[in-house]
Each structure stands twice: as structure tokens, then as C-alpha cells.
Amino acid sequence: MKTNDWKKFGKRSLFAFEYRFKKDPDRGRGATSLEAASWGEFCLWVRDKNLCLHHDHGQFHDTVTWYLLPLLAWLAENWDPLFHEERFPVPCEKLDARAGYMDSLRRYLGDTDPNMQAKSAVWYAWWERHGLRSCRQGGVFPDVFVRRLMDFAEISWGNMPIAGTGEDFYFAVPMETALLPVEQVAEPLLQGLRDAVLALQAVDASQEMMALAACVQEIAGAGRWRTRLAWYAERMVEFLDLVPDQIRGGLEQSQGFIRRLAPSGGIMFGALAPEIGRDDVATLFHAFVTAHQGDRQESELLRTVTRQDPSFPEKEPLDEGYDSALDLLDALHVTEAGGGWVDVHAVCQQLAIEIVSVDLTDSNIRGAAFAGRKVTPTILVNRAHRNNQQPHGQRFTLGHELCHILNDRFFGGDVAVVTTPWAPAVVEERANAFAAMLLMPLELINARIQHMVEPLDSVEGIILLADQLQVSRRAVLWHLYNLGKLDSRQRVRLERDLAGTL
């Protein structure tokens, strides 16, 4: 096996995995022969950022040097969850994988409550599948997490200290998250994994090496789509007999991973609760099939206002949701109804979007949205959800689902999204912001405030404004806070004083 020759896979401007084997400076002492053969260096590049760049003992180092065997074995053993498991082990509002795990440490670590210990245990198992440092075995690996997020690979990183390192040790790239099409990460990583394992196989014939080689070979094997789909949406596989042909036959598979779920509509089932019942699945599938039947398609007006280059929010989800709603209001020349509030039903009617009410057993499902080139644009409203028990809550649901129709058609595919606590937080935050600005545009709020007789930061003022705008008190309270019209102290006080009425 040649050493000191760098092997490079992928593009640094997108994602790249680079490695080289070197001679073990300890000549195998304290290591197996296979571990010693795997001594080397590696780099991970994401959008021209070297995630392995670190500072130690007064100087910067471009690479991580350690035994590469644990890294290769971790990639092989966790390949399917790395590129197919989206959801956190428990519902979590954090936007990326690393933030979710760090939040779990803050919440559960050291808590002797059995319920908290159980949550800590499932988060730990999740970290072993998605956290690169879980395989470091004494090495100083970067603080990197990888998971699937709809049809993207999400890579998040930071600089959590490593016990035993010097005071000046740190990874140099600031905390960030990147979203790339799955194939831009999975393909070069699989190429590099195969190459490294093949090189080790040439110098080591141990059972451990043969097992690792077999594991890598199985990654691109046939017939693994069910296992991979189960990592994304376990219940979808359990109810496979109910799955429409449009979904089952529309999965875009590549060697080693499911490349696209969105064109088939499969994405929506990643948001379903693990305990969802068969009847609810059947109802959602029926609505999906109904939207895909018939000759009716989306209107020219809807196509005009739909985002043509959909992507995950690059700015803050709040800002993107606000901007998108203002663009729609401007494009449709929406003005308030006679009573001085935005009629979201009329907006949906103008865009030829059907509104369908359903009664699901799972009251955590708020709504769903279906749209596409050959799909009747449809919004589902679950009457069992507590926010849909009142007209103002239903109006917010319509605005939320409308955002999905306009903004979430990734890679030119159809949109099929279900709104639940398990849905990706970054997409849900954008949709909530969109709904808030659609129903409470700034000009309308300012006009109302100008004629208010009650102070804005009073209980009476919040109730009056919510009633005038036909929204919930909680929605108007948070919207005013996000607009800077209330500070955090005022918001907390009003939440306390309005407790039980929000």
C-alpha cells in the first residue's frame, strides 16, 4: 500500500473527502495490525471551508492525523441513517443536528429522572449514528454532524472542547450549517470509503478487514430501499400496502442511497409521528391520491407566484417567511377585507387552491399541503388540532400551508408536506413567519395601532388588535415582538397576563 499519496474525492467548493495513509509513528505499538495500517490524515471540505483545520500548540494544522479505521468503520456501519434518517429521536425545535444534540445535553445530561434518562439514552444512540466524534477513539476529530433533511444532506459543525487537549486547541471554522443535495455528499464520500477500504484490504486479510469490506460492498447492494425508507419514515414502511404507486414508484435511487423523495411525495411521511395509526395514514394517502387525480392542474397565477428556485432558508427563517409573504401580497394586490383584515380564504380561492377539512385521530397534525405541475393544489386542515378549533386558528393554518406550496418544491418536484411537531424546524419556522406576515402585514398593523385607544403593550391592546385582525392573541403578540414593536420584557409580561386566553 502506497503511503503519503493524497486521495481526493468531490469538490472543495461543495463537499470533499480527502485522505492519505502514512506510516504509523508508533510502529503498531498499542494497536492491531489493521489499525496501524490505517494511520493517516484526512480532511473534510464543505463550501471551501476545511472542517479539519485546527489550532494546537501555537500553530494551525490543515488535517486530522489519527487511525482512519474507526472513521471508515463508522461510515460503513452508519451509512443508511447518515443519509436517510432525518428526524430527531424526540421532537425538537432546534434547526440543525448539532444544535439538537447540544440542546439534549443541556436538558437531560445528569438528570436522574427515569424519563429524562430514557430521553438521554435515545439521544446518545442518535449521536452515535450522526456525530463524527462518536468514532474518534482518542483522536481529535472535528465536531461535525451529518443527517438527511428532506432531499438534502445537512452538515453542521462547531467547536465543543475535547477533554485532554491543550488550552490553545480548537477547530478554527466557525459554527455553521450547510445543506447540499444528498448526492453531492454521499457520492464522493462513498468513493473515498471504497478507495480507502480497498487499499487496506491489500495489506491486511484479517476477519475484521473482511467484515468491513463486506459492509462497504453492501452499501450499493440491491434491495435496500425498504431499510433506507424505514430510517426516513418507519411508519411508511409498516403501512406499505397503503402506499400509492405514485410514491412507491417515484423514489429516485442511486447506488448507495435514495437520491430523491420529493418527486414521489415521500417527504411528507418523515414528519409523521412514530405512533401514527393506520386510519390516519389511509386518510392522508387518500387526500394525496385525490390531489393527483383528474385533469385539473395548478393555475397560471399560482405558477407565477411560486418560488422557482426553492431552497432551505439561507437567511433567518423568520426573514425569509416575512419576505415571501410580502412578495405574495404585492403580486396579488391583496388589500384587507371590509372588516379590516386579510381574507386568506379569498387568497387561496384566487390561486385556485382547494381547502379540504379532515378529522384525524392524531391531533398533533395541524395540516398538509399538496401541489405540483400535475396536481390539484390542496390544503388539508385537521379539525382535531386545537388551533383549528377556531376560525382564527384555521386562517393561520391556511397561511402556513400556503407557504409550503409556494416555497418548498425542492429540485423542481411536487410538494407534499405534513405539519407536525416532527417536521423540520427550519421549514416550519419559515411557514409560521409567512402566515404571520400574510395575515398581519406591517401597513395594516400600523394603521390599526394608529387608531387604538388602548396601549399596545396592554392586555386590552393585544386582545383588541387580535380581534380586529382575526388572528389569535398569541400570534399577534409574537408578531409584534418579532417586528420590534414589543420588547422581550413586555412580551413575557403579556404572556403571563394573557395566560389561559392565548
Protein backbone atom coordinates (compact mmCIF):
# COMPACT_ATOMS: atom_id res chain seq x y z
CA MET A 1 0.00 0.00 0.00
CA LYS A 2 1.35 3.37 -1.01
CA THR A 3 1.61 5.95 1.72
CA ASN A 4 1.83 9.76 1.60
CA ASP A 5 -0.26 9.93 -1.59
CA TRP A 6 -3.32 12.13 -1.10
CA LYS A 7 -6.60 10.76 -2.43
CA LYS A 8 -9.25 13.39 -3.12
CA PHE A 9 -12.95 12.88 -3.77
CA GLY A 10 -15.53 15.55 -4.55
CA LYS A 11 -15.18 19.29 -4.94
CA ARG A 12 -13.97 21.54 -2.16
CA SER A 13 -16.43 24.20 -3.28
CA LEU A 14 -19.28 21.78 -2.46
CA PHE A 15 -18.13 18.78 -0.42
CA ALA A 16 -14.87 16.86 -0.49
CA PHE A 17 -13.31 13.99 1.44
CA GLU A 18 -9.52 13.75 1.24
CA TYR A 19 -7.21 11.30 2.94
CA ARG A 20 -3.84 9.64 2.83
CA PHE A 21 -2.25 6.76 4.72
CA LYS A 22 1.07 7.27 6.47
CA LYS A 23 3.46 5.08 8.38
CA ASP A 24 2.42 4.57 11.97
CA PRO A 25 4.90 6.58 14.08
CA ASP A 26 4.40 4.10 16.93
CA ARG A 27 5.09 1.14 14.62
CA GLY A 28 2.00 -0.68 15.76
CA ARG A 29 2.58 -0.43 19.49
CA GLY A 30 -0.76 -0.48 21.33
CA ALA A 31 -2.71 -1.11 18.13
CA THR A 32 -3.80 -4.03 15.97
CA SER A 33 -2.06 -4.56 12.66
CA LEU A 34 -5.12 -3.24 10.83
CA GLU A 35 -5.29 -0.13 13.00
CA ALA A 36 -1.58 0.51 12.45
CA ALA A 37 -2.01 0.17 8.68
CA SER A 38 -4.79 2.76 8.79
CA TRP A 39 -2.68 5.52 10.36
CA GLY A 40 -3.09 8.64 8.26
CA GLU A 41 -4.65 12.05 7.75
CA PHE A 42 -7.99 13.26 6.49
CA CYS A 43 -9.82 16.47 5.60
CA LEU A 44 -13.49 17.31 5.18
CA TRP A 45 -14.30 20.29 2.97
CA VAL A 46 -17.71 22.00 2.83
CA ARG A 47 -18.16 25.02 0.57
CA ASP A 48 -14.45 25.83 0.60
CA LYS A 49 -14.21 25.50 4.39
CA ASN A 50 -11.80 22.92 5.80
CA LEU A 51 -13.63 21.48 8.80
CA CYS A 52 -10.45 19.76 9.99
CA LEU A 53 -8.44 22.97 10.27
CA HIS A 54 -7.43 23.29 13.92
CA HIS A 55 -5.04 25.13 16.20
CA ASP A 56 -2.77 23.30 18.61
CA HIS A 57 0.49 24.18 20.40
CA GLY A 58 0.75 27.58 18.81
CA GLN A 59 0.16 26.63 15.18
CA PHE A 60 -2.56 25.69 12.74
CA HIS A 61 -2.91 22.22 11.22
CA ASP A 62 -4.81 21.56 7.99
CA THR A 63 -5.53 17.90 8.65
CA VAL A 64 -6.57 15.50 11.38
CA THR A 65 -3.98 12.79 11.96
CA TRP A 66 -5.07 9.52 13.57
CA TYR A 67 -6.02 5.93 12.84
CA LEU A 68 -8.55 6.11 9.98
CA LEU A 69 -10.03 2.67 10.66
CA PRO A 70 -12.61 3.93 13.22
CA LEU A 71 -13.76 6.61 10.77
CA LEU A 72 -14.11 4.14 7.89
CA ALA A 73 -15.95 1.61 10.04
CA TRP A 74 -18.31 4.28 11.37
CA LEU A 75 -19.18 5.45 7.87
CA ALA A 76 -19.83 1.90 6.69
CA GLU A 77 -21.91 0.86 9.69
CA ASN A 78 -23.99 4.04 9.85
CA TRP A 79 -24.33 4.77 6.16
CA ASP A 80 -28.08 4.30 5.95
CA PRO A 81 -29.01 6.51 8.95
CA LEU A 82 -26.44 9.15 7.95
CA PHE A 83 -28.14 9.70 4.60
CA HIS A 84 -31.73 8.69 5.36
CA GLU A 85 -32.57 9.47 9.00
CA GLU A 86 -33.99 12.97 9.27
CA ARG A 87 -35.93 13.18 12.49
CA PHE A 88 -34.52 13.70 15.95
CA PRO A 89 -35.16 10.93 18.49
CA VAL A 90 -37.71 13.18 20.23
CA PRO A 91 -39.47 16.28 18.82
CA CYS A 92 -37.03 19.19 18.87
CA GLU A 93 -37.31 22.79 17.71
CA LYS A 94 -33.60 23.22 17.01
CA LEU A 95 -32.78 23.90 13.38
CA ASP A 96 -29.85 21.53 12.80
CA ALA A 97 -28.47 18.23 14.04
CA ARG A 98 -25.64 19.61 16.15
CA ALA A 99 -27.88 22.21 17.81
CA GLY A 100 -30.42 19.49 18.59
CA TYR A 101 -27.82 17.26 20.21
CA MET A 102 -26.26 20.10 22.22
CA ASP A 103 -29.73 21.04 23.46
CA SER A 104 -30.27 17.44 24.58
CA LEU A 105 -27.08 17.56 26.65
CA ARG A 106 -28.29 20.70 28.37
CA ARG A 107 -31.70 19.20 29.07
CA TYR A 108 -31.01 15.60 30.04
CA LEU A 109 -27.37 15.06 30.99
CA GLY A 110 -27.03 14.17 34.67
CA ASP A 111 -30.79 14.14 35.31
CA THR A 112 -31.69 11.10 37.46
CA ASP A 113 -35.38 11.21 36.49
CA PRO A 114 -36.01 7.89 34.63
CA ASN A 115 -37.97 9.70 31.90
CA MET A 116 -35.11 12.10 31.33
CA GLN A 117 -32.59 9.26 31.40
CA ALA A 118 -34.59 7.44 28.72
CA LYS A 119 -34.51 10.54 26.52
CA SER A 120 -30.80 10.95 27.15
CA ALA A 121 -30.24 7.34 26.08
CA VAL A 122 -32.05 7.72 22.74
CA TRP A 123 -30.19 10.97 22.05
CA TYR A 124 -26.89 9.20 22.79
CA ALA A 125 -27.75 6.40 20.35
CA TRP A 126 -28.69 9.05 17.79
CA TRP A 127 -25.33 10.82 18.35
CA GLU A 128 -23.52 7.55 17.70
CA ARG A 129 -25.17 7.44 14.27
CA HIS A 130 -24.73 11.09 13.31
CA GLY A 131 -21.90 12.64 15.33
CA LEU A 132 -18.45 12.18 13.80
CA ARG A 133 -16.76 12.38 17.19
CA SER A 134 -18.61 9.27 18.34
CA CYS A 135 -15.98 7.23 16.45
CA ARG A 136 -12.84 9.17 17.35
CA GLN A 137 -11.48 6.59 19.82
CA GLY A 138 -8.93 9.00 21.23
CA GLY A 139 -8.38 11.07 18.10
CA VAL A 140 -9.12 14.78 17.86
CA PHE A 141 -11.88 14.65 15.25
CA PRO A 142 -13.88 17.74 14.24
CA ASP A 143 -17.23 18.45 15.87
CA VAL A 144 -19.33 17.53 12.82
CA PHE A 145 -22.84 16.10 12.43
CA VAL A 146 -24.43 14.67 9.28
CA ARG A 147 -28.08 13.81 8.68
CA ARG A 148 -30.63 13.82 5.89
CA LEU A 149 -33.04 16.75 5.75
CA MET A 150 -35.79 16.14 3.20
CA ASP A 151 -33.77 15.77 -0.03
CA PHE A 152 -30.64 17.42 1.32
CA ALA A 153 -27.65 16.32 3.33
CA GLU A 154 -27.31 18.61 6.32
CA ILE A 155 -23.79 19.11 7.69
CA SER A 156 -23.49 21.10 10.90
CA TRP A 157 -20.34 21.81 12.86
CA GLY A 158 -18.97 23.67 15.85
CA ASN A 159 -16.14 23.56 18.35
CA MET A 160 -17.11 21.70 21.51
CA PRO A 161 -13.94 21.27 23.63
CA ILE A 162 -12.28 17.85 23.76
CA ALA A 163 -11.14 16.64 27.15
CA GLY A 164 -7.38 16.21 27.39
CA THR A 165 -6.40 18.70 24.69
CA GLY A 166 -4.27 21.76 25.39
CA GLU A 167 -5.62 25.15 26.34
CA ASP A 168 -4.93 26.54 22.86
CA PHE A 169 -6.59 23.65 20.99
CA TYR A 170 -9.65 24.48 18.89
CA PHE A 171 -11.16 23.83 15.48
CA ALA A 172 -10.92 27.04 13.52
CA VAL A 173 -14.00 27.11 11.27
CA PRO A 174 -16.85 29.00 12.99
CA MET A 175 -20.07 27.18 13.84
CA GLU A 176 -22.32 26.84 10.80
CA THR A 177 -24.70 24.57 8.90
CA ALA A 178 -24.65 23.68 5.20
CA LEU A 179 -27.32 21.98 3.12
CA LEU A 180 -26.33 20.21 -0.08
CA PRO A 181 -28.16 17.83 -2.40
CA VAL A 182 -27.70 14.35 -0.97
CA GLU A 183 -25.67 13.08 -3.92
CA GLN A 184 -23.11 15.89 -3.62
CA VAL A 185 -22.09 14.48 -0.23
CA ALA A 186 -22.89 10.76 -0.46
CA GLU A 187 -21.22 10.06 -3.80
CA PRO A 188 -17.72 11.42 -3.05
CA LEU A 189 -17.84 10.02 0.47
CA LEU A 190 -18.72 6.55 -0.82
CA GLN A 191 -15.96 6.76 -3.43
CA GLY A 192 -13.42 7.69 -0.78
CA LEU A 193 -14.67 5.00 1.59
CA ARG A 194 -14.36 2.32 -1.09
CA ASP A 195 -10.91 3.50 -2.10
CA ALA A 196 -9.55 3.51 1.46
CA VAL A 197 -11.02 0.11 2.30
CA LEU A 198 -9.63 -1.40 -0.90
CA ALA A 199 -6.17 -0.06 -0.05
CA LEU A 200 -6.32 -1.54 3.45
CA GLN A 201 -7.59 -4.84 2.08
CA ALA A 202 -4.42 -5.14 0.02
CA VAL A 203 -2.25 -5.25 3.16
CA ASP A 204 -4.50 -6.91 5.72
CA ALA A 205 -6.54 -10.10 5.38
CA SER A 206 -7.92 -10.26 8.92
CA GLN A 207 -11.54 -11.15 9.64
CA GLU A 208 -12.14 -7.59 10.80
CA MET A 209 -10.92 -6.29 7.45
CA MET A 210 -13.04 -8.76 5.50
CA ALA A 211 -16.11 -7.79 7.54
CA LEU A 212 -15.51 -4.08 6.87
CA ALA A 213 -15.03 -4.70 3.14
CA ALA A 214 -18.26 -6.71 3.03
CA CYS A 215 -20.12 -3.94 4.86
CA VAL A 216 -18.91 -1.35 2.34
CA GLN A 217 -19.81 -3.58 -0.58
CA GLU A 218 -23.36 -3.97 0.75
CA ILE A 219 -23.91 -0.21 0.70
CA ALA A 220 -24.51 -0.26 -3.04
CA GLY A 221 -26.27 -3.63 -2.96
CA ALA A 222 -29.74 -4.12 -4.36
CA GLY A 223 -32.92 -4.33 -2.31
CA ARG A 224 -32.07 -1.92 0.50
CA TRP A 225 -34.63 0.73 -0.32
CA ARG A 226 -37.08 -0.52 2.30
CA THR A 227 -34.46 -0.33 5.04
CA ARG A 228 -33.49 3.16 3.95
CA LEU A 229 -37.09 4.29 3.70
CA ALA A 230 -37.64 2.96 7.23
CA TRP A 231 -34.86 5.22 8.52
CA TYR A 232 -36.68 8.16 6.94
CA ALA A 233 -40.25 7.19 7.79
CA GLU A 234 -40.68 3.93 9.66
CA ARG A 235 -44.47 4.03 9.59
CA MET A 236 -44.49 4.40 5.84
CA VAL A 237 -42.83 1.00 5.51
CA GLU A 238 -45.14 -0.58 8.06
CA PHE A 239 -48.15 0.52 6.00
CA LEU A 240 -46.57 -0.26 2.66
CA ASP A 241 -49.76 -1.91 1.46
CA LEU A 242 -51.44 1.51 1.64
CA VAL A 243 -48.69 3.41 -0.17
CA PRO A 244 -49.87 4.76 -3.54
CA ASP A 245 -48.00 3.78 -6.69
CA GLN A 246 -47.04 7.44 -7.22
CA ILE A 247 -44.91 7.29 -4.08
CA ARG A 248 -43.53 3.77 -4.30
CA GLY A 249 -42.57 4.07 -7.94
CA GLY A 250 -41.36 7.66 -7.71
CA LEU A 251 -38.42 7.17 -5.38
CA GLU A 252 -35.23 8.22 -7.17
CA GLN A 253 -32.50 5.81 -6.10
CA SER A 254 -28.79 5.93 -6.69
CA GLN A 255 -26.13 3.41 -5.78
CA GLY A 256 -25.92 3.54 -2.02
CA PHE A 257 -28.77 5.93 -1.16
CA ILE A 258 -32.23 7.22 -2.03
CA ARG A 259 -31.47 10.32 -4.03
CA ARG A 260 -34.90 11.97 -4.13
CA LEU A 261 -38.06 11.56 -2.08
CA ALA A 262 -39.76 14.82 -3.06
CA PRO A 263 -40.89 13.94 -6.61
CA SER A 264 -42.81 10.96 -5.24
CA GLY A 265 -44.37 12.74 -2.28
CA GLY A 266 -42.49 10.53 0.16
CA ILE A 267 -41.05 13.50 2.03
CA MET A 268 -44.29 14.18 3.89
CA PHE A 269 -44.12 10.94 5.81
CA GLY A 270 -40.88 11.84 7.52
CA ALA A 271 -42.94 14.30 9.59
CA LEU A 272 -45.46 11.75 10.83
CA ALA A 273 -45.32 10.68 14.46
CA PRO A 274 -43.88 7.20 15.06
CA GLU A 275 -47.15 6.13 16.68
CA ILE A 276 -49.50 7.36 13.92
CA GLY A 277 -52.38 4.99 13.29
CA ARG A 278 -53.38 3.14 10.15
CA ASP A 279 -56.60 5.12 9.67
CA ASP A 280 -54.78 8.45 9.67
CA VAL A 281 -52.22 7.15 7.18
CA ALA A 282 -55.05 5.95 4.94
CA THR A 283 -56.76 9.36 5.14
CA LEU A 284 -53.56 11.20 4.21
CA PHE A 285 -52.82 8.80 1.35
CA HIS A 286 -56.40 9.22 0.06
CA ALA A 287 -56.03 13.00 0.07
CA PHE A 288 -52.67 12.69 -1.70
CA VAL A 289 -54.10 10.41 -4.41
CA THR A 290 -57.17 12.61 -4.86
CA ALA A 291 -54.95 15.66 -5.44
CA HIS A 292 -53.02 13.71 -8.09
CA GLN A 293 -56.11 12.51 -9.97
CA GLY A 294 -58.18 14.25 -12.59
CA ASP A 295 -57.34 16.79 -15.24
CA ARG A 296 -57.18 19.86 -13.06
CA GLN A 297 -53.74 21.42 -12.60
CA GLU A 298 -52.44 24.47 -10.82
CA SER A 299 -53.35 27.84 -12.24
CA GLU A 300 -51.05 30.09 -14.21
CA LEU A 301 -51.28 32.65 -11.40
CA LEU A 302 -50.09 30.09 -8.84
CA ARG A 303 -47.18 29.12 -11.07
CA THR A 304 -46.26 32.80 -11.37
CA VAL A 305 -46.04 33.39 -7.62
CA THR A 306 -44.42 30.04 -6.77
CA ARG A 307 -40.73 30.25 -5.95
CA GLN A 308 -38.77 28.99 -8.94
CA ASP A 309 -35.52 28.21 -7.11
CA PRO A 310 -36.74 26.71 -3.84
CA SER A 311 -34.14 26.03 -1.21
CA PHE A 312 -33.85 25.85 2.52
CA PRO A 313 -33.68 29.25 4.19
CA GLU A 314 -30.25 30.77 3.67
CA LYS A 315 -31.22 33.74 5.82
CA GLU A 316 -33.09 33.52 9.09
CA PRO A 317 -36.35 31.56 8.55
CA LEU A 318 -38.25 34.49 10.06
CA ASP A 319 -36.87 36.93 7.49
CA GLU A 320 -37.47 34.58 4.55
CA GLY A 321 -41.04 33.91 5.65
CA TYR A 322 -41.75 37.62 6.05
CA ASP A 323 -40.21 38.49 2.68
CA SER A 324 -42.12 35.73 0.88
CA ALA A 325 -45.45 36.85 2.33
CA LEU A 326 -44.85 40.47 1.39
CA ASP A 327 -43.94 39.41 -2.16
CA LEU A 328 -47.21 37.49 -2.43
CA LEU A 329 -49.30 40.35 -1.06
CA ASP A 330 -47.68 42.68 -3.56
CA ALA A 331 -48.09 40.29 -6.50
CA LEU A 332 -51.77 39.64 -5.79
CA HIS A 333 -52.54 43.26 -4.81
CA VAL A 334 -54.15 41.96 -1.65
CA THR A 335 -55.97 44.51 0.46
CA GLU A 336 -57.79 43.99 3.70
CA ALA A 337 -61.37 42.79 3.64
CA GLY A 338 -64.25 45.07 4.56
CA GLY A 339 -63.70 44.38 8.23
CA GLY A 340 -60.05 45.40 8.03
CA TRP A 341 -58.33 42.01 7.96
CA VAL A 342 -56.72 39.84 5.28
CA ASP A 343 -59.06 37.20 3.86
CA VAL A 344 -56.76 34.19 3.40
CA HIS A 345 -59.65 32.08 2.07
CA ALA A 346 -60.03 34.60 -0.76
CA VAL A 347 -56.27 34.40 -1.43
CA CYS A 348 -56.48 30.62 -1.75
CA GLN A 349 -59.53 30.97 -3.99
CA GLN A 350 -57.67 33.47 -6.17
CA LEU A 351 -54.83 30.92 -6.55
CA ALA A 352 -57.32 28.09 -7.22
CA ILE A 353 -56.20 26.12 -4.17
CA GLU A 354 -58.69 23.67 -2.75
CA ILE A 355 -59.29 23.60 1.01
CA VAL A 356 -60.28 20.25 2.48
CA SER A 357 -61.14 19.62 6.13
CA VAL A 358 -60.45 16.22 7.68
CA ASP A 359 -60.80 14.66 11.12
CA LEU A 360 -57.65 12.76 12.06
CA THR A 361 -57.09 10.78 15.22
CA ASP A 362 -53.66 12.37 15.66
CA SER A 363 -54.46 15.85 16.97
CA ASN A 364 -50.81 16.91 16.58
CA ILE A 365 -51.16 17.03 12.79
CA ARG A 366 -52.16 20.61 12.00
CA GLY A 367 -52.47 20.41 8.24
CA ALA A 368 -50.95 19.29 4.98
CA ALA A 369 -50.23 20.72 1.54
CA PHE A 370 -50.08 19.10 -1.91
CA ALA A 371 -49.11 20.86 -5.15
CA GLY A 372 -47.19 20.34 -8.36
CA ARG A 373 -47.34 20.55 -12.12
CA LYS A 374 -49.99 17.84 -12.46
CA VAL A 375 -51.51 18.14 -9.01
CA THR A 376 -54.64 19.89 -7.82
CA PRO A 377 -53.19 22.32 -5.26
CA THR A 378 -54.76 21.30 -1.98
CA ILE A 379 -54.56 22.35 1.65
CA LEU A 380 -55.73 19.90 4.31
CA VAL A 381 -56.98 21.27 7.63
CA ASN A 382 -57.17 18.80 10.51
CA ARG A 383 -60.15 19.83 12.62
CA ALA A 384 -58.84 17.74 15.53
CA HIS A 385 -55.85 20.07 16.03
CA ARG A 386 -56.51 22.51 18.86
CA ASN A 387 -55.52 25.54 16.76
CA ASN A 388 -58.08 24.60 14.13
CA GLN A 389 -60.99 24.63 16.57
CA GLN A 390 -61.47 28.36 15.97
CA PRO A 391 -61.70 30.37 12.72
CA HIS A 392 -58.60 32.44 13.53
CA GLY A 393 -56.55 29.28 14.02
CA GLN A 394 -57.76 27.82 10.74
CA ARG A 395 -56.78 31.04 8.98
CA PHE A 396 -53.24 30.73 10.34
CA THR A 397 -53.10 27.08 9.21
CA LEU A 398 -54.10 28.10 5.68
CA GLY A 399 -51.36 30.72 5.61
CA HIS A 400 -48.81 28.23 6.95
CA GLU A 401 -49.64 25.55 4.37
CA LEU A 402 -49.75 28.13 1.58
CA CYS A 403 -46.10 28.89 2.36
CA HIS A 404 -45.23 25.23 1.79
CA ILE A 405 -46.97 25.28 -1.60
CA LEU A 406 -45.08 28.39 -2.70
CA ASN A 407 -41.63 27.74 -1.25
CA ASP A 408 -40.93 24.04 -0.75
CA ARG A 409 -40.81 22.44 -4.20
CA PHE A 410 -37.23 21.31 -3.95
CA PHE A 411 -35.42 20.24 -7.13
CA GLY A 412 -38.45 21.14 -9.24
CA GLY A 413 -40.55 18.39 -7.72
CA ASP A 414 -44.01 18.36 -6.28
CA VAL A 415 -44.71 19.43 -2.72
CA ALA A 416 -46.33 17.11 -0.20
CA VAL A 417 -45.83 18.40 3.33
CA VAL A 418 -47.49 17.50 6.63
CA THR A 419 -47.27 19.96 9.52
CA THR A 420 -46.47 18.18 12.80
CA PRO A 421 -44.03 18.57 15.71
CA TRP A 422 -41.74 16.11 13.84
CA ALA A 423 -41.45 18.28 10.71
CA PRO A 424 -38.11 20.06 10.00
CA ALA A 425 -37.99 23.09 12.28
CA VAL A 426 -36.33 25.40 9.73
CA VAL A 427 -39.14 24.85 7.20
CA GLU A 428 -41.85 25.18 9.84
CA GLU A 429 -40.42 28.42 11.23
CA ARG A 430 -40.42 29.96 7.78
CA ALA A 431 -44.03 28.88 7.22
CA ASN A 432 -45.14 30.33 10.57
CA ALA A 433 -43.44 33.64 9.77
CA PHE A 434 -45.07 33.65 6.33
CA ALA A 435 -48.52 33.10 7.83
CA ALA A 436 -47.99 35.85 10.40
CA MET A 437 -46.97 38.46 7.83
CA LEU A 438 -49.66 37.37 5.36
CA LEU A 439 -52.41 37.83 7.95
CA MET A 440 -50.83 40.82 9.69
CA PRO A 441 -48.90 42.90 7.11
CA LEU A 442 -46.96 45.78 8.56
CA GLU A 443 -49.02 48.53 6.92
CA LEU A 444 -52.26 47.07 8.25
CA ILE A 445 -50.84 46.73 11.76
CA ASN A 446 -49.54 50.30 11.72
CA ALA A 447 -52.91 51.59 10.58
CA ARG A 448 -54.65 49.74 13.40
CA ILE A 449 -52.15 50.90 16.01
CA GLN A 450 -52.60 54.49 14.93
CA HIS A 451 -56.28 54.40 15.87
CA MET A 452 -56.01 52.28 19.02
CA VAL A 453 -57.31 53.79 22.25
CA GLU A 454 -55.62 51.11 24.39
CA PRO A 455 -51.82 50.95 24.85
CA LEU A 456 -50.20 48.38 22.58
CA ASP A 457 -48.32 46.78 25.49
CA SER A 458 -51.50 46.14 27.46
CA VAL A 459 -53.73 43.08 27.67
CA GLU A 460 -56.61 45.15 26.33
CA GLY A 461 -54.50 46.35 23.40
CA ILE A 462 -53.42 42.83 22.39
CA ILE A 463 -56.99 41.49 22.61
CA LEU A 464 -58.33 44.40 20.56
CA LEU A 465 -55.70 44.07 17.84
CA ALA A 466 -56.10 40.28 17.63
CA ASP A 467 -59.87 40.61 17.25
CA GLN A 468 -59.52 43.29 14.58
CA LEU A 469 -57.02 41.23 12.55
CA GLN A 470 -58.89 37.94 13.08
CA VAL A 471 -55.85 36.14 14.50
CA SER A 472 -55.03 34.55 17.83
CA ARG A 473 -53.68 36.61 20.69
CA ARG A 474 -50.51 34.51 20.76
CA ALA A 475 -49.95 35.10 17.03
CA VAL A 476 -50.30 38.86 17.28
CA LEU A 477 -48.18 39.01 20.46
CA TRP A 478 -45.24 37.17 18.88
CA HIS A 479 -45.60 39.02 15.58
CA LEU A 480 -45.39 42.36 17.35
CA TYR A 481 -42.33 41.14 19.21
CA ASN A 482 -40.65 39.93 16.01
CA LEU A 483 -41.39 43.28 14.37
CA GLY A 484 -39.71 45.09 17.26
CA LYS A 485 -42.91 46.74 18.44
CA LEU A 486 -42.67 44.93 21.78
CA ASP A 487 -39.50 44.11 23.66
CA SER A 488 -38.84 40.78 25.38
CA ARG A 489 -39.80 42.14 28.80
CA GLN A 490 -43.16 43.33 27.51
CA ARG A 491 -43.78 40.05 25.68
CA VAL A 492 -43.07 37.92 28.76
CA ARG A 493 -45.31 40.10 30.94
CA LEU A 494 -48.16 39.99 28.42
CA GLU A 495 -47.83 36.21 28.02
CA ARG A 496 -48.17 35.89 31.77
CA ASP A 497 -51.14 38.26 31.97
CA LEU A 498 -52.86 36.61 29.00
CA ALA A 499 -52.26 33.08 30.31
CA GLY A 500 -55.29 30.90 29.65
CA THR A 501 -56.60 33.19 26.89
CA LEU A 502 -53.90 32.71 24.25
